[in-house]
Protein backbone atom coordinates (compact mmCIF):
# COMPACT_ATOMS: atom_id res chain seq x y z
CA MET A 1 0.00 0.00 0.00
CA PHE A 2 1.26 3.47 -0.81
CA SER A 3 2.30 5.78 1.98
CA PHE A 4 -0.42 8.35 1.31
CA GLN A 5 -3.05 5.60 1.30
CA SER A 6 -1.82 4.34 4.66
CA GLU A 7 -1.88 7.83 6.15
CA ALA A 8 -5.38 8.46 4.80
CA GLN A 9 -6.57 5.20 6.33
CA LEU A 10 -4.99 6.11 9.68
CA VAL A 11 -6.80 9.46 9.64
CA ASP A 12 -10.09 7.73 8.81
CA ASP A 13 -9.62 5.21 11.64
CA ARG A 14 -8.77 7.97 14.12
CA GLU A 15 -11.86 9.95 13.11
CA ASP A 16 -14.03 6.82 13.27
CA LEU A 17 -12.77 6.07 16.79
CA ILE A 18 -13.45 9.62 17.99
CA ALA A 19 -16.93 9.63 16.45
CA LEU A 20 -17.74 6.26 18.01
CA LEU A 21 -16.56 7.44 21.44
CA GLN A 22 -18.73 10.54 21.12
CA MET A 23 -21.77 8.45 20.19
CA ARG A 24 -21.24 6.01 23.06
CA PHE A 25 -19.97 8.24 25.85
CA GLY A 26 -20.59 11.89 24.96
CA THR A 27 -17.89 14.53 24.95
CA VAL A 28 -14.39 13.14 24.44
CA PRO A 29 -11.71 14.97 26.45
CA GLY A 30 -9.06 16.82 24.44
CA GLU A 31 -6.30 14.73 25.98
CA MET A 32 -7.97 11.59 24.64
CA ILE A 33 -8.25 13.09 21.15
CA GLU A 34 -4.56 14.00 21.28
CA GLY A 35 -3.76 10.47 22.41
CA ILE A 36 -5.75 9.00 19.55
CA TYR A 37 -3.97 11.23 17.03
CA SER A 38 -0.61 10.12 18.39
CA LEU A 39 -1.38 6.51 17.40
CA ASN A 40 0.23 5.39 14.15
CA ASP A 41 -0.45 1.66 14.27
CA MET A 42 -3.53 0.66 12.28
CA ASN A 43 -3.90 -2.58 14.23
CA ILE A 44 -4.08 -0.72 17.54
CA LEU A 45 -6.61 1.75 16.14
CA GLN A 46 -8.82 -1.05 14.85
CA ARG A 47 -8.60 -2.85 18.22
CA LEU A 48 -9.64 0.36 19.96
CA ILE A 49 -12.58 0.81 17.59
CA LEU A 50 -13.80 -2.67 18.56
CA SER A 51 -13.19 -1.87 22.22
CA ALA A 52 -15.10 1.42 21.99
CA ALA A 53 -18.04 -0.28 20.33
CA ASN A 54 -18.25 -3.01 22.96
CA ALA A 55 -16.94 -1.55 26.22
CA ALA A 56 -19.50 -1.57 29.01
CA ASN A 57 -18.49 1.95 30.06
CA TRP A 58 -15.89 4.68 29.67
CA ASP A 59 -13.60 3.22 32.36
CA VAL A 60 -13.43 -0.13 30.57
CA PHE A 61 -12.47 1.65 27.35
CA LEU A 62 -9.80 3.72 29.16
CA GLU A 63 -8.26 0.55 30.60
CA GLU A 64 -8.02 -0.90 27.11
CA PHE A 65 -6.69 2.37 25.65
CA TYR A 66 -3.91 2.63 28.21
CA SER A 67 -2.91 -1.02 27.92
CA ALA A 68 -0.60 0.25 25.14
CA GLY A 69 -1.52 -2.50 22.73
CA ASN A 70 -0.28 -5.22 25.05
CA SER A 71 -3.60 -6.96 25.20
CA PHE A 72 -6.57 -7.96 23.19
CA ARG A 73 -9.12 -9.01 25.79
CA ILE A 74 -12.42 -8.04 24.29
CA VAL A 75 -14.22 -10.82 26.14
CA GLY A 76 -16.49 -11.09 29.14
CA GLU A 77 -18.98 -8.74 30.67
CA ASN A 78 -16.63 -5.74 30.48
CA PHE A 79 -17.23 -5.82 26.75
CA ASN A 80 -21.00 -6.13 26.88
CA PRO A 81 -22.26 -2.66 25.93
CA LEU A 82 -25.51 -3.33 27.81
CA ARG A 83 -23.90 -4.56 31.02
CA ASP A 84 -24.40 -1.42 33.08
CA LEU A 85 -27.97 -1.00 31.89
CA MET A 86 -28.81 -4.58 32.80
CA GLU A 87 -27.27 -4.15 36.26
CA GLY A 88 -29.35 -1.05 36.91
CA GLY A 89 -26.33 1.21 36.61
CA GLY A 90 -25.50 3.11 33.54
CA GLY A 91 -25.28 6.73 32.84
CA LEU A 92 -22.43 8.55 31.27
CA TYR A 93 -19.03 6.94 31.87
CA GLY A 94 -20.69 3.98 33.61
CA LYS A 95 -21.70 5.98 36.68
CA GLU A 96 -25.11 6.90 37.99
CA GLN A 97 -26.16 10.34 36.92
CA GLU A 98 -27.11 12.67 39.73
């Protein structure tokens, strides 16, 4: 694949991840957006897209984000997007809203 195609795909994956996080969790902090734009590994970005789509809450996603690509554990109830709703919890970032 040509270099410009790879870079364009990285930009698309970064934007997809940010959009998905906004849809799932609301406002994405600027530090997180900067962190996403610092990623240059397409495999990590795609793993994070899957994590964002399936994480039970913001904290679960953050744990996966900061694992620095050392894991791929998208299994169990932490990656059930309905987990917190089924347990009576929920709300933004997996916490009860006040």
